[in-house]
């Protein structure tokens, strides 16, 4: 059983196999990427609101998730017993969870996806 905890807020993936920590990956958080795209120094919630209002959330999200999946997640032998846990403030928006789930399904990952709104 593989478990990937993907935290969008702090830019970290923790990878477990059979309840043992295997690897921790670090990368730019979703907010860092949005800040780079919009060159602003707003608080994280304001950056997210700005990205949603400007209707740029879907392309940025698509690129970000594709990069994470292609770079860090080894999915060749995923089964229904494997999990991707997505965590972050942005998952308080249901449409974002749906978009990420679509991206994962389009990659033909044979695993279960769960979404959690973090309070960090």
PDB file of N, CA and C in Angstrom:
ATOM      1  N   UNK A   1       0.835  -1.173   0.000  1.00  0.00           N
ATOM      2  CA  UNK A   1       0.000   0.000   0.000  1.00  0.00           C
ATOM      3  C   UNK A   1       0.888   1.249   0.000  1.00  0.00           C
ATOM      4  N   UNK A   2       0.670   2.107  -0.987  1.00  0.00           N
ATOM      5  CA  UNK A   2       1.404   3.367  -1.090  1.00  0.00           C
ATOM      6  C   UNK A   2       0.479   4.511  -0.711  1.00  0.00           C
ATOM      7  N   UNK A   3       1.037   5.475   0.018  1.00  0.00           N
ATOM      8  CA  UNK A   3       0.289   6.668   0.385  1.00  0.00           C
ATOM      9  C   UNK A   3       1.168   7.879   0.099  1.00  0.00           C
ATOM     10  N   UNK A   4       0.640   8.790  -0.704  1.00  0.00           N
ATOM     11  CA  UNK A   4       1.304  10.058  -0.970  1.00  0.00           C
ATOM     12  C   UNK A   4       0.463  11.165  -0.351  1.00  0.00           C
ATOM     13  N   UNK A   5       1.028  11.892   0.622  1.00  0.00           N
ATOM     14  CA  UNK A   5       0.390  13.079   1.191  1.00  0.00           C
ATOM     15  C   UNK A   5       0.959  14.285   0.459  1.00  0.00           C
ATOM     16  N   UNK A   6       0.127  14.935  -0.333  1.00  0.00           N
ATOM     17  CA  UNK A   6       0.568  16.057  -1.162  1.00  0.00           C
ATOM     18  C   UNK A   6       0.004  17.334  -0.554  1.00  0.00           C
ATOM     19  N   UNK A   7       0.879  18.152   0.017  1.00  0.00           N
ATOM     20  CA  UNK A   7       0.452  19.368   0.697  1.00  0.00           C
ATOM     21  C   UNK A   7       0.746  20.573  -0.186  1.00  0.00           C
ATOM     22  N   UNK A   8      -0.304  21.193  -0.716  1.00  0.00           N
ATOM     23  CA  UNK A   8      -0.163  22.342  -1.603  1.00  0.00           C
ATOM     24  C   UNK A   8       0.269  23.590  -0.845  1.00  0.00           C
ATOM     25  N   UNK A   9      -0.083  23.695   0.442  1.00  0.00           N
ATOM     26  CA  UNK A   9       0.216  24.900   1.212  1.00  0.00           C
ATOM     27  C   UNK A   9       1.700  25.050   1.522  1.00  0.00           C
ATOM     28  N   UNK A  10       2.348  23.970   1.885  1.00  0.00           N
ATOM     29  CA  UNK A  10       3.759  24.080   2.271  1.00  0.00           C
ATOM     30  C   UNK A  10       4.704  23.480   1.232  1.00  0.00           C
ATOM     31  N   UNK A  11       4.170  22.919   0.149  1.00  0.00           N
ATOM     32  CA  UNK A  11       5.028  22.378  -0.904  1.00  0.00           C
ATOM     33  C   UNK A  11       5.795  21.150  -0.463  1.00  0.00           C
ATOM     34  N   UNK A  12       5.051  20.131  -0.041  1.00  0.00           N
ATOM     35  CA  UNK A  12       5.718  18.925   0.449  1.00  0.00           C
ATOM     36  C   UNK A  12       4.891  17.689   0.097  1.00  0.00           C
ATOM     37  N   UNK A  13       5.590  16.638  -0.299  1.00  0.00           N
ATOM     38  CA  UNK A  13       4.973  15.328  -0.483  1.00  0.00           C
ATOM     39  C   UNK A  13       5.671  14.373   0.469  1.00  0.00           C
ATOM     40  N   UNK A  14       4.895  13.683   1.286  1.00  0.00           N
ATOM     41  CA  UNK A  14       5.455  12.611   2.105  1.00  0.00           C
ATOM     42  C   UNK A  14       4.935  11.301   1.532  1.00  0.00           C
ATOM     43  N   UNK A  15       5.857  10.408   1.269  1.00  0.00           N
ATOM     44  CA  UNK A  15       5.535   9.139   0.616  1.00  0.00           C
ATOM     45  C   UNK A  15       5.751   8.000   1.599  1.00  0.00           C
ATOM     46  N   UNK A  16       4.703   7.218   1.815  1.00  0.00           N
ATOM     47  CA  UNK A  16       4.744   6.076   2.726  1.00  0.00           C
ATOM     48  C   UNK A  16       4.448   4.798   1.952  1.00  0.00           C
ATOM     49  N   UNK A  17       5.139   3.733   2.311  1.00  0.00           N
ATOM     50  CA  UNK A  17       4.799   2.394   1.822  1.00  0.00           C
ATOM     51  C   UNK A  17       4.594   1.522   3.039  1.00  0.00           C
ATOM     52  N   UNK A  18       3.430   0.915   3.119  1.00  0.00           N
ATOM     53  CA  UNK A  18       3.077   0.047   4.244  1.00  0.00           C
ATOM     54  C   UNK A  18       3.370   0.721   5.581  1.00  0.00           C
ATOM     55  N   UNK A  19       2.906   1.955   5.713  1.00  0.00           N
ATOM     56  CA  UNK A  19       3.000   2.761   6.935  1.00  0.00           C
ATOM     57  C   UNK A  19       4.425   3.136   7.332  1.00  0.00           C
ATOM     58  N   UNK A  20       5.397   2.949   6.449  1.00  0.00           N
ATOM     59  CA  UNK A  20       6.768   3.381   6.705  1.00  0.00           C
ATOM     60  C   UNK A  20       7.109   4.552   5.794  1.00  0.00           C
ATOM     61  N   UNK A  21       7.663   5.599   6.392  1.00  0.00           N
ATOM     62  CA  UNK A  21       8.064   6.754   5.600  1.00  0.00           C
ATOM     63  C   UNK A  21       9.198   6.353   4.670  1.00  0.00           C
ATOM     64  N   UNK A  22       9.014   6.607   3.384  1.00  0.00           N
ATOM     65  CA  UNK A  22      10.021   6.265   2.388  1.00  0.00           C
ATOM     66  C   UNK A  22      10.783   7.511   1.953  1.00  0.00           C
ATOM     67  N   UNK A  23      10.054   8.596   1.682  1.00  0.00           N
ATOM     68  CA  UNK A  23      10.698   9.785   1.117  1.00  0.00           C
ATOM     69  C   UNK A  23       9.862  11.022   1.426  1.00  0.00           C
ATOM     70  N   UNK A  24      10.546  12.154   1.578  1.00  0.00           N
ATOM     71  CA  UNK A  24       9.882  13.449   1.678  1.00  0.00           C
ATOM     72  C   UNK A  24      10.426  14.311   0.548  1.00  0.00           C
ATOM     73  N   UNK A  25       9.525  14.845  -0.249  1.00  0.00           N
ATOM     74  CA  UNK A  25       9.897  15.715  -1.366  1.00  0.00           C
ATOM     75  C   UNK A  25       9.455  17.134  -1.038  1.00  0.00           C
ATOM     76  N   UNK A  26      10.249  18.101  -1.438  1.00  0.00           N
ATOM     77  CA  UNK A  26       9.891  19.512  -1.255  1.00  0.00           C
ATOM     78  C   UNK A  26       9.896  20.192  -2.617  1.00  0.00           C
ATOM     79  N   UNK A  27       8.972  21.137  -2.778  1.00  0.00           N
ATOM     80  CA  UNK A  27       8.821  21.858  -4.038  1.00  0.00           C
ATOM     81  C   UNK A  27       8.132  23.183  -3.727  1.00  0.00           C
ATOM     82  N   UNK A  28       7.957  24.031  -4.728  1.00  0.00           N
ATOM     83  CA  UNK A  28       7.264  25.307  -4.521  1.00  0.00           C
ATOM     84  C   UNK A  28       5.804  25.050  -4.185  1.00  0.00           C
ATOM     85  N   UNK A  29       5.298  25.759  -3.188  1.00  0.00           N
ATOM     86  CA  UNK A  29       3.882  25.619  -2.839  1.00  0.00           C
ATOM     87  C   UNK A  29       3.031  26.200  -3.961  1.00  0.00           C
ATOM     88  N   UNK A  30       1.760  25.859  -3.961  1.00  0.00           N
ATOM     89  CA  UNK A  30       0.852  26.386  -4.979  1.00  0.00           C
ATOM     90  C   UNK A  30       0.795  27.904  -4.902  1.00  0.00           C
ATOM     91  N   UNK A  31       0.845  28.458  -3.699  1.00  0.00           N
ATOM     92  CA  UNK A  31       0.803  29.907  -3.525  1.00  0.00           C
ATOM     93  C   UNK A  31       2.071  30.559  -4.058  1.00  0.00           C
ATOM     94  N   UNK A  32       3.214  29.917  -3.884  1.00  0.00           N
ATOM     95  CA  UNK A  32       4.460  30.442  -4.454  1.00  0.00           C
ATOM     96  C   UNK A  32       4.358  30.545  -5.964  1.00  0.00           C
ATOM     97  N   UNK A  33       3.803  29.510  -6.581  1.00  0.00           N
ATOM     98  CA  UNK A  33       3.657  29.503  -8.041  1.00  0.00           C
ATOM     99  C   UNK A  33       2.727  30.630  -8.479  1.00  0.00           C
ATOM    100  N   UNK A  34       1.602  30.789  -7.790  1.00  0.00           N
ATOM    101  CA  UNK A  34       0.667  31.869  -8.136  1.00  0.00           C
ATOM    102  C   UNK A  34       1.310  33.234  -7.939  1.00  0.00           C
ATOM    103  N   UNK A  35       2.100  33.368  -6.894  1.00  0.00           N
ATOM    104  CA  UNK A  35       2.791  34.632  -6.640  1.00  0.00           C
ATOM    105  C   UNK A  35       3.806  34.923  -7.740  1.00  0.00           C
ATOM    106  N   UNK A  36       4.497  33.903  -8.213  1.00  0.00           N
ATOM    107  CA  UNK A  36       5.453  34.075  -9.316  1.00  0.00           C
ATOM    108  C   UNK A  36       4.715  34.515 -10.574  1.00  0.00           C
ATOM    109  N   UNK A  37       3.586  33.880 -10.859  1.00  0.00           N
ATOM    110  CA  UNK A  37       2.815  34.198 -12.064  1.00  0.00           C
ATOM    111  C   UNK A  37       2.292  35.624 -12.016  1.00  0.00           C
ATOM    112  N   UNK A  38       1.804  36.053 -10.870  1.00  0.00           N
ATOM    113  CA  UNK A  38       1.188  37.372 -10.769  1.00  0.00           C
ATOM    114  C   UNK A  38       2.095  38.424 -10.142  1.00  0.00           C
ATOM    115  N   UNK A  39       3.317  38.075  -9.814  1.00  0.00           N
ATOM    116  CA  UNK A  39       4.295  39.013  -9.254  1.00  0.00           C
ATOM    117  C   UNK A  39       3.703  39.876  -8.144  1.00  0.00           C
ATOM    118  N   UNK A  40       3.062  39.250  -7.203  1.00  0.00           N
ATOM    119  CA  UNK A  40       2.495  40.025  -6.102  1.00  0.00           C
ATOM    120  C   UNK A  40       3.006  39.481  -4.778  1.00  0.00           C
ATOM    121  N   UNK A  41       2.870  40.302  -3.769  1.00  0.00           N
ATOM    122  CA  UNK A  41       3.279  39.860  -2.435  1.00  0.00           C
ATOM    123  C   UNK A  41       2.084  39.921  -1.487  1.00  0.00           C
ATOM    124  N   UNK A  42       0.953  39.473  -1.988  1.00  0.00           N
ATOM    125  CA  UNK A  42      -0.265  39.443  -1.186  1.00  0.00           C
ATOM    126  C   UNK A  42      -0.254  38.237  -0.252  1.00  0.00           C
ATOM    127  N   UNK A  43      -1.089  38.261   0.778  1.00  0.00           N
ATOM    128  CA  UNK A  43      -1.255  37.057   1.602  1.00  0.00           C
ATOM    129  C   UNK A  43      -1.821  35.911   0.756  1.00  0.00           C
ATOM    130  N   UNK A  44      -1.602  34.686   1.205  1.00  0.00           N
ATOM    131  CA  UNK A  44      -1.983  33.494   0.430  1.00  0.00           C
ATOM    132  C   UNK A  44      -3.457  33.496   0.029  1.00  0.00           C
ATOM    133  N   UNK A  45      -4.350  33.856   0.945  1.00  0.00           N
ATOM    134  CA  UNK A  45      -5.783  33.861   0.620  1.00  0.00           C
ATOM    135  C   UNK A  45      -6.112  34.882  -0.464  1.00  0.00           C
ATOM    136  N   UNK A  46      -5.455  36.047  -0.417  1.00  0.00           N
ATOM    137  CA  UNK A  46      -5.699  37.080  -1.431  1.00  0.00           C
ATOM    138  C   UNK A  46      -5.158  36.664  -2.792  1.00  0.00           C
ATOM    139  N   UNK A  47      -4.015  35.984  -2.791  1.00  0.00           N
ATOM    140  CA  UNK A  47      -3.458  35.487  -4.058  1.00  0.00           C
ATOM    141  C   UNK A  47      -4.422  34.492  -4.688  1.00  0.00           C
ATOM    142  N   UNK A  48      -4.932  33.579  -3.888  1.00  0.00           N
ATOM    143  CA  UNK A  48      -5.870  32.580  -4.401  1.00  0.00           C
ATOM    144  C   UNK A  48      -7.123  33.255  -4.953  1.00  0.00           C
ATOM    145  N   UNK A  49      -7.653  34.236  -4.232  1.00  0.00           N
ATOM    146  CA  UNK A  49      -8.844  34.957  -4.705  1.00  0.00           C
ATOM    147  C   UNK A  49      -8.549  35.664  -6.026  1.00  0.00           C
ATOM    148  N   UNK A  50      -7.374  36.273  -6.132  1.00  0.00           N
ATOM    149  CA  UNK A  50      -6.999  36.979  -7.362  1.00  0.00           C
ATOM    150  C   UNK A  50      -6.901  36.007  -8.537  1.00  0.00           C
ATOM    151  N   UNK A  51      -6.317  34.847  -8.312  1.00  0.00           N
ATOM    152  CA  UNK A  51      -6.165  33.847  -9.372  1.00  0.00           C
ATOM    153  C   UNK A  51      -7.531  33.329  -9.814  1.00  0.00           C
ATOM    154  N   UNK A  52      -8.438  33.114  -8.868  1.00  0.00           N
ATOM    155  CA  UNK A  52      -9.784  32.638  -9.205  1.00  0.00           C
ATOM    156  C   UNK A  52     -10.541  33.705  -9.982  1.00  0.00           C
ATOM    157  N   UNK A  53     -10.482  34.958  -9.514  1.00  0.00           N
ATOM    158  CA  UNK A  53     -11.198  36.050 -10.179  1.00  0.00           C
ATOM    159  C   UNK A  53     -10.693  36.249 -11.608  1.00  0.00           C
ATOM    160  N   UNK A  54      -9.408  36.142 -11.813  1.00  0.00           N
ATOM    161  CA  UNK A  54      -8.845  36.338 -13.156  1.00  0.00           C
ATOM    162  C   UNK A  54      -8.983  35.094 -14.032  1.00  0.00           C
ATOM    163  N   UNK A  55      -9.659  34.066 -13.504  1.00  0.00           N
ATOM    164  CA  UNK A  55      -9.929  32.821 -14.226  1.00  0.00           C
ATOM    165  C   UNK A  55      -8.655  32.138 -14.720  1.00  0.00           C
ATOM    166  N   UNK A  56      -7.617  32.214 -13.923  1.00  0.00           N
ATOM    167  CA  UNK A  56      -6.344  31.565 -14.259  1.00  0.00           C
ATOM    168  C   UNK A  56      -6.106  30.321 -13.416  1.00  0.00           C
ATOM    169  N   UNK A  57      -7.012  30.035 -12.501  1.00  0.00           N
ATOM    170  CA  UNK A  57      -6.791  28.932 -11.561  1.00  0.00           C
ATOM    171  C   UNK A  57      -6.682  27.587 -12.269  1.00  0.00           C
ATOM    172  N   UNK A  58      -7.526  27.322 -13.256  1.00  0.00           N
ATOM    173  CA  UNK A  58      -7.547  26.005 -13.898  1.00  0.00           C
ATOM    174  C   UNK A  58      -6.251  25.734 -14.661  1.00  0.00           C
ATOM    175  N   UNK A  59      -5.781  26.649 -15.533  1.00  0.00           N
ATOM    176  CA  UNK A  59      -4.519  26.345 -16.222  1.00  0.00           C
ATOM    177  C   UNK A  59      -3.314  26.240 -15.282  1.00  0.00           C
ATOM    178  N   UNK A  60      -3.265  27.092 -14.261  1.00  0.00           N
ATOM    179  CA  UNK A  60      -2.154  27.026 -13.308  1.00  0.00           C
ATOM    180  C   UNK A  60      -2.230  25.712 -12.530  1.00  0.00           C
ATOM    181  N   UNK A  61      -3.415  25.366 -12.077  1.00  0.00           N
ATOM    182  CA  UNK A  61      -3.626  24.126 -11.335  1.00  0.00           C
ATOM    183  C   UNK A  61      -3.268  22.915 -12.184  1.00  0.00           C
ATOM    184  N   UNK A  62      -3.702  22.912 -13.428  1.00  0.00           N
ATOM    185  CA  UNK A  62      -3.415  21.798 -14.332  1.00  0.00           C
ATOM    186  C   UNK A  62      -1.908  21.613 -14.500  1.00  0.00           C
ATOM    187  N   UNK A  63      -1.211  22.686 -14.767  1.00  0.00           N
ATOM    188  CA  UNK A  63       0.245  22.625 -14.948  1.00  0.00           C
ATOM    189  C   UNK A  63       0.931  22.165 -13.659  1.00  0.00           C
ATOM    190  N   UNK A  64       0.505  22.706 -12.530  1.00  0.00           N
ATOM    191  CA  UNK A  64       1.104  22.390 -11.235  1.00  0.00           C
ATOM    192  C   UNK A  64       0.917  20.915 -10.884  1.00  0.00           C
ATOM    193  N   UNK A  65      -0.299  20.418 -11.012  1.00  0.00           N
ATOM    194  CA  UNK A  65      -0.584  19.024 -10.654  1.00  0.00           C
ATOM    195  C   UNK A  65       0.110  18.071 -11.620  1.00  0.00           C
ATOM    196  N   UNK A  66       0.087  18.386 -12.915  1.00  0.00           N
ATOM    197  CA  UNK A  66       0.782  17.544 -13.901  1.00  0.00           C
ATOM    198  C   UNK A  66       2.266  17.437 -13.544  1.00  0.00           C
ATOM    199  N   UNK A  67       2.872  18.567 -13.195  1.00  0.00           N
ATOM    200  CA  UNK A  67       4.291  18.576 -12.837  1.00  0.00           C
ATOM    201  C   UNK A  67       4.547  17.710 -11.609  1.00  0.00           C
ATOM    202  N   UNK A  68       3.702  17.833 -10.594  1.00  0.00           N
ATOM    203  CA  UNK A  68       3.875  17.020  -9.387  1.00  0.00           C
ATOM    204  C   UNK A  68       3.747  15.536  -9.695  1.00  0.00           C
ATOM    205  N   UNK A  69       2.719  15.183 -10.439  1.00  0.00           N
ATOM    206  CA  UNK A  69       2.492  13.772 -10.752  1.00  0.00           C
ATOM    207  C   UNK A  69       3.619  13.206 -11.607  1.00  0.00           C
ATOM    208  N   UNK A  70       4.050  13.958 -12.602  1.00  0.00           N
ATOM    209  CA  UNK A  70       5.106  13.476 -13.501  1.00  0.00           C
ATOM    210  C   UNK A  70       6.469  13.407 -12.821  1.00  0.00           C
ATOM    211  N   UNK A  71       6.718  14.316 -11.887  1.00  0.00           N
ATOM    212  CA  UNK A  71       8.041  14.412 -11.270  1.00  0.00           C
ATOM    213  C   UNK A  71       8.202  13.515 -10.048  1.00  0.00           C
ATOM    214  N   UNK A  72       7.194  13.471  -9.191  1.00  0.00           N
ATOM    215  CA  UNK A  72       7.365  12.837  -7.890  1.00  0.00           C
ATOM    216  C   UNK A  72       6.623  11.521  -7.690  1.00  0.00           C
ATOM    217  N   UNK A  73       5.576  11.276  -8.432  1.00  0.00           N
ATOM    218  CA  UNK A  73       4.715  10.124  -8.157  1.00  0.00           C
ATOM    219  C   UNK A  73       4.995   9.005  -9.149  1.00  0.00           C
ATOM    220  N   UNK A  74       5.368   7.844  -8.630  1.00  0.00           N
ATOM    221  CA  UNK A  74       5.585   6.661  -9.469  1.00  0.00           C
ATOM    222  C   UNK A  74       4.290   5.856  -9.449  1.00  0.00           C
ATOM    223  N   UNK A  75       3.583   5.864 -10.570  1.00  0.00           N
ATOM    224  CA  UNK A  75       2.231   5.300 -10.581  1.00  0.00           C
ATOM    225  C   UNK A  75       2.111   3.996 -11.350  1.00  0.00           C
ATOM    226  N   UNK A  76       3.216   3.472 -11.864  1.00  0.00           N
ATOM    227  CA  UNK A  76       3.149   2.303 -12.745  1.00  0.00           C
ATOM    228  C   UNK A  76       2.444   1.123 -12.090  1.00  0.00           C
ATOM    229  N   UNK A  77       2.648   0.927 -10.822  1.00  0.00           N
ATOM    230  CA  UNK A  77       2.044  -0.231 -10.171  1.00  0.00           C
ATOM    231  C   UNK A  77       1.031   0.169  -9.097  1.00  0.00           C
ATOM    232  N   UNK A  78       0.363   1.311  -9.294  1.00  0.00           N
ATOM    233  CA  UNK A  78      -0.701   1.722  -8.379  1.00  0.00           C
ATOM    234  C   UNK A  78      -1.848   0.721  -8.435  1.00  0.00           C
ATOM    235  N   UNK A  79      -2.461   0.506  -7.286  1.00  0.00           N
ATOM    236  CA  UNK A  79      -3.662  -0.334  -7.215  1.00  0.00           C
ATOM    237  C   UNK A  79      -4.754   0.455  -6.495  1.00  0.00           C
ATOM    238  N   UNK A  80      -5.913  -0.146  -6.376  1.00  0.00           N
ATOM    239  CA  UNK A  80      -7.005   0.496  -5.645  1.00  0.00           C
ATOM    240  C   UNK A  80      -6.678   0.640  -4.165  1.00  0.00           C
ATOM    241  N   UNK A  81      -5.648  -0.028  -3.702  1.00  0.00           N
ATOM    242  CA  UNK A  81      -5.240   0.063  -2.297  1.00  0.00           C
ATOM    243  C   UNK A  81      -4.256   1.197  -2.039  1.00  0.00           C
ATOM    244  N   UNK A  82      -3.906   1.943  -3.077  1.00  0.00           N
ATOM    245  CA  UNK A  82      -2.974   3.060  -2.941  1.00  0.00           C
ATOM    246  C   UNK A  82      -3.753   4.374  -2.895  1.00  0.00           C
ATOM    247  N   UNK A  83      -3.140   5.384  -2.245  1.00  0.00           N
ATOM    248  CA  UNK A  83      -3.865   6.624  -1.984  1.00  0.00           C
ATOM    249  C   UNK A  83      -3.050   7.854  -2.350  1.00  0.00           C
ATOM    250  N   UNK A  84      -3.748   8.863  -2.850  1.00  0.00           N
ATOM    251  CA  UNK A  84      -3.214  10.210  -2.993  1.00  0.00           C
ATOM    252  C   UNK A  84      -4.064  11.099  -2.090  1.00  0.00           C
ATOM    253  N   UNK A  85      -3.437  11.676  -1.061  1.00  0.00           N
ATOM    254  CA  UNK A  85      -4.129  12.604  -0.174  1.00  0.00           C
ATOM    255  C   UNK A  85      -3.669  14.007  -0.540  1.00  0.00           C
ATOM    256  N   UNK A  86      -4.585  14.828  -1.001  1.00  0.00           N
ATOM    257  CA  UNK A  86      -4.286  16.211  -1.350  1.00  0.00           C
ATOM    258  C   UNK A  86      -4.737  17.096  -0.198  1.00  0.00           C
ATOM    259  N   UNK A  87      -3.831  17.961   0.267  1.00  0.00           N
ATOM    260  CA  UNK A  87      -4.136  18.834   1.396  1.00  0.00           C
ATOM    261  C   UNK A  87      -3.812  20.277   1.029  1.00  0.00           C
ATOM    262  N   UNK A  88      -4.623  21.182   1.550  1.00  0.00           N
ATOM    263  CA  UNK A  88      -4.364  22.594   1.327  1.00  0.00           C
ATOM    264  C   UNK A  88      -5.616  23.430   1.492  1.00  0.00           C
ATOM    265  N   UNK A  89      -5.416  24.713   1.757  1.00  0.00           N
ATOM    266  CA  UNK A  89      -6.540  25.632   1.927  1.00  0.00           C
ATOM    267  C   UNK A  89      -7.406  25.696   0.675  1.00  0.00           C
ATOM    268  N   UNK A  90      -6.789  25.585  -0.492  1.00  0.00           N
ATOM    269  CA  UNK A  90      -7.563  25.736  -1.721  1.00  0.00           C
ATOM    270  C   UNK A  90      -8.581  24.628  -1.923  1.00  0.00           C
ATOM    271  N   UNK A  91      -8.480  23.535  -1.191  1.00  0.00           N
ATOM    272  CA  UNK A  91      -9.460  22.463  -1.336  1.00  0.00           C
ATOM    273  C   UNK A  91     -10.762  22.762  -0.596  1.00  0.00           C
ATOM    274  N   UNK A  92     -10.865  23.954  -0.004  1.00  0.00           N
ATOM    275  CA  UNK A  92     -12.155  24.394   0.524  1.00  0.00           C
ATOM    276  C   UNK A  92     -13.105  24.721  -0.628  1.00  0.00           C
ATOM    277  N   UNK A  93     -12.544  24.919  -1.828  1.00  0.00           N
ATOM    278  CA  UNK A  93     -13.340  25.137  -3.037  1.00  0.00           C
ATOM    279  C   UNK A  93     -13.565  23.793  -3.716  1.00  0.00           C
ATOM    280  N   UNK A  94     -14.810  23.374  -3.768  1.00  0.00           N
ATOM    281  CA  UNK A  94     -15.147  22.056  -4.330  1.00  0.00           C
ATOM    282  C   UNK A  94     -14.697  21.924  -5.785  1.00  0.00           C
ATOM    283  N   UNK A  95     -14.819  23.000  -6.577  1.00  0.00           N
ATOM    284  CA  UNK A  95     -14.448  22.899  -7.986  1.00  0.00           C
ATOM    285  C   UNK A  95     -12.958  22.617  -8.164  1.00  0.00           C
ATOM    286  N   UNK A  96     -12.144  23.036  -7.219  1.00  0.00           N
ATOM    287  CA  UNK A  96     -10.706  22.762  -7.299  1.00  0.00           C
ATOM    288  C   UNK A  96     -10.452  21.279  -7.054  1.00  0.00           C
ATOM    289  N   UNK A  97     -11.108  20.714  -6.061  1.00  0.00           N
ATOM    290  CA  UNK A  97     -10.983  19.268  -5.823  1.00  0.00           C
ATOM    291  C   UNK A  97     -11.416  18.484  -7.050  1.00  0.00           C
ATOM    292  N   UNK A  98     -12.517  18.899  -7.667  1.00  0.00           N
ATOM    293  CA  UNK A  98     -13.012  18.213  -8.872  1.00  0.00           C
ATOM    294  C   UNK A  98     -12.006  18.308 -10.015  1.00  0.00           C
ATOM    295  N   UNK A  99     -11.400  19.469 -10.192  1.00  0.00           N
ATOM    296  CA  UNK A  99     -10.402  19.649 -11.258  1.00  0.00           C
ATOM    297  C   UNK A  99      -9.184  18.758 -11.029  1.00  0.00           C
ATOM    298  N   UNK A 100      -8.695  18.725  -9.805  1.00  0.00           N
ATOM    299  CA  UNK A 100      -7.529  17.891  -9.495  1.00  0.00           C
ATOM    300  C   UNK A 100      -7.876  16.421  -9.705  1.00  0.00           C
ATOM    301  N   UNK A 101      -9.064  16.027  -9.300  1.00  0.00           N
ATOM    302  CA  UNK A 101      -9.485  14.639  -9.505  1.00  0.00           C
ATOM    303  C   UNK A 101      -9.546  14.297 -10.995  1.00  0.00           C
ATOM    304  N   UNK A 102     -10.022  15.238 -11.816  1.00  0.00           N
ATOM    305  CA  UNK A 102     -10.049  15.021 -13.275  1.00  0.00           C
ATOM    306  C   UNK A 102      -8.640  14.843 -13.834  1.00  0.00           C
ATOM    307  N   UNK A 103      -7.724  15.655 -13.365  1.00  0.00           N
ATOM    308  CA  UNK A 103      -6.334  15.573 -13.833  1.00  0.00           C
ATOM    309  C   UNK A 103      -5.747  14.206 -13.491  1.00  0.00           C
ATOM    310  N   UNK A 104      -5.984  13.745 -12.272  1.00  0.00           N
ATOM    311  CA  UNK A 104      -5.470  12.436 -11.843  1.00  0.00           C
ATOM    312  C   UNK A 104      -6.093  11.324 -12.682  1.00  0.00           C
ATOM    313  N   UNK A 105      -7.392  11.396 -12.908  1.00  0.00           N
ATOM    314  CA  UNK A 105      -8.070  10.374 -13.719  1.00  0.00           C
ATOM    315  C   UNK A 105      -7.553  10.376 -15.157  1.00  0.00           C
ATOM    316  N   UNK A 106      -7.281  11.556 -15.707  1.00  0.00           N
ATOM    317  CA  UNK A 106      -6.742  11.652 -17.070  1.00  0.00           C
ATOM    318  C   UNK A 106      -5.350  11.044 -17.188  1.00  0.00           C
ATOM    319  N   UNK A 107      -4.642  10.979 -16.074  1.00  0.00           N
ATOM    320  CA  UNK A 107      -3.308  10.357 -16.060  1.00  0.00           C
ATOM    321  C   UNK A 107      -3.421   8.840 -15.908  1.00  0.00           C
ATOM    322  N   UNK A 108      -4.653   8.341 -15.771  1.00  0.00           N
ATOM    323  CA  UNK A 108      -4.920   6.904 -15.607  1.00  0.00           C
ATOM    324  C   UNK A 108      -4.259   6.319 -14.361  1.00  0.00           C
ATOM    325  N   UNK A 109      -4.240   7.085 -13.294  1.00  0.00           N
ATOM    326  CA  UNK A 109      -3.728   6.577 -12.030  1.00  0.00           C
ATOM    327  C   UNK A 109      -4.792   5.671 -11.428  1.00  0.00           C
ATOM    328  N   UNK A 110      -4.419   4.476 -11.105  1.00  0.00           N
ATOM    329  CA  UNK A 110      -5.341   3.500 -10.537  1.00  0.00           C
ATOM    330  C   UNK A 110      -5.214   3.538  -9.015  1.00  0.00           C
ATOM    331  N   UNK A 111      -5.738   4.608  -8.405  1.00  0.00           N
ATOM    332  CA  UNK A 111      -5.631   4.771  -6.959  1.00  0.00           C
ATOM    333  C   UNK A 111      -6.827   5.567  -6.465  1.00  0.00           C
ATOM    334  N   UNK A 112      -6.891   5.737  -5.158  1.00  0.00           N
ATOM    335  CA  UNK A 112      -7.965   6.522  -4.557  1.00  0.00           C
ATOM    336  C   UNK A 112      -7.442   7.913  -4.206  1.00  0.00           C
ATOM    337  N   UNK A 113      -8.260   8.928  -4.478  1.00  0.00           N
ATOM    338  CA  UNK A 113      -7.898  10.315  -4.175  1.00  0.00           C
ATOM    339  C   UNK A 113      -8.808  10.861  -3.080  1.00  0.00           C
ATOM    340  N   UNK A 114      -8.199  11.578  -2.147  1.00  0.00           N
ATOM    341  CA  UNK A 114      -8.950  12.236  -1.084  1.00  0.00           C
ATOM    342  C   UNK A 114      -8.438  13.661  -0.952  1.00  0.00           C
ATOM    343  N   UNK A 115      -9.337  14.569  -0.569  1.00  0.00           N
ATOM    344  CA  UNK A 115      -9.004  15.986  -0.489  1.00  0.00           C
ATOM    345  C   UNK A 115      -9.345  16.510   0.896  1.00  0.00           C
ATOM    346  N   UNK A 116      -8.405  17.267   1.466  1.00  0.00           N
ATOM    347  CA  UNK A 116      -8.579  17.807   2.807  1.00  0.00           C
ATOM    348  C   UNK A 116      -8.211  19.280   2.805  1.00  0.00           C
ATOM    349  N   UNK A 117      -9.063  20.078   3.429  1.00  0.00           N
ATOM    350  CA  UNK A 117      -8.752  21.490   3.598  1.00  0.00           C
ATOM    351  C   UNK A 117      -7.886  21.621   4.839  1.00  0.00           C
ATOM    352  N   UNK A 118      -6.656  22.065   4.667  1.00  0.00           N
ATOM    353  CA  UNK A 118      -5.775  22.207   5.832  1.00  0.00           C
ATOM    354  C   UNK A 118      -6.033  23.544   6.500  1.00  0.00           C
ATOM    355  N   UNK A 119      -5.736  23.613   7.755  1.00  0.00           N
ATOM    356  CA  UNK A 119      -5.947  24.830   8.548  1.00  0.00           C
ATOM    357  C   UNK A 119      -4.627  25.486   8.902  1.00  0.00           C
ATOM    358  N   UNK A 120      -3.566  25.170   8.167  1.00  0.00           N
ATOM    359  CA  UNK A 120      -2.228  25.694   8.497  1.00  0.00           C
ATOM    360  C   UNK A 120      -2.149  27.179   8.276  1.00  0.00           C
TER     361      UNK A 120
END
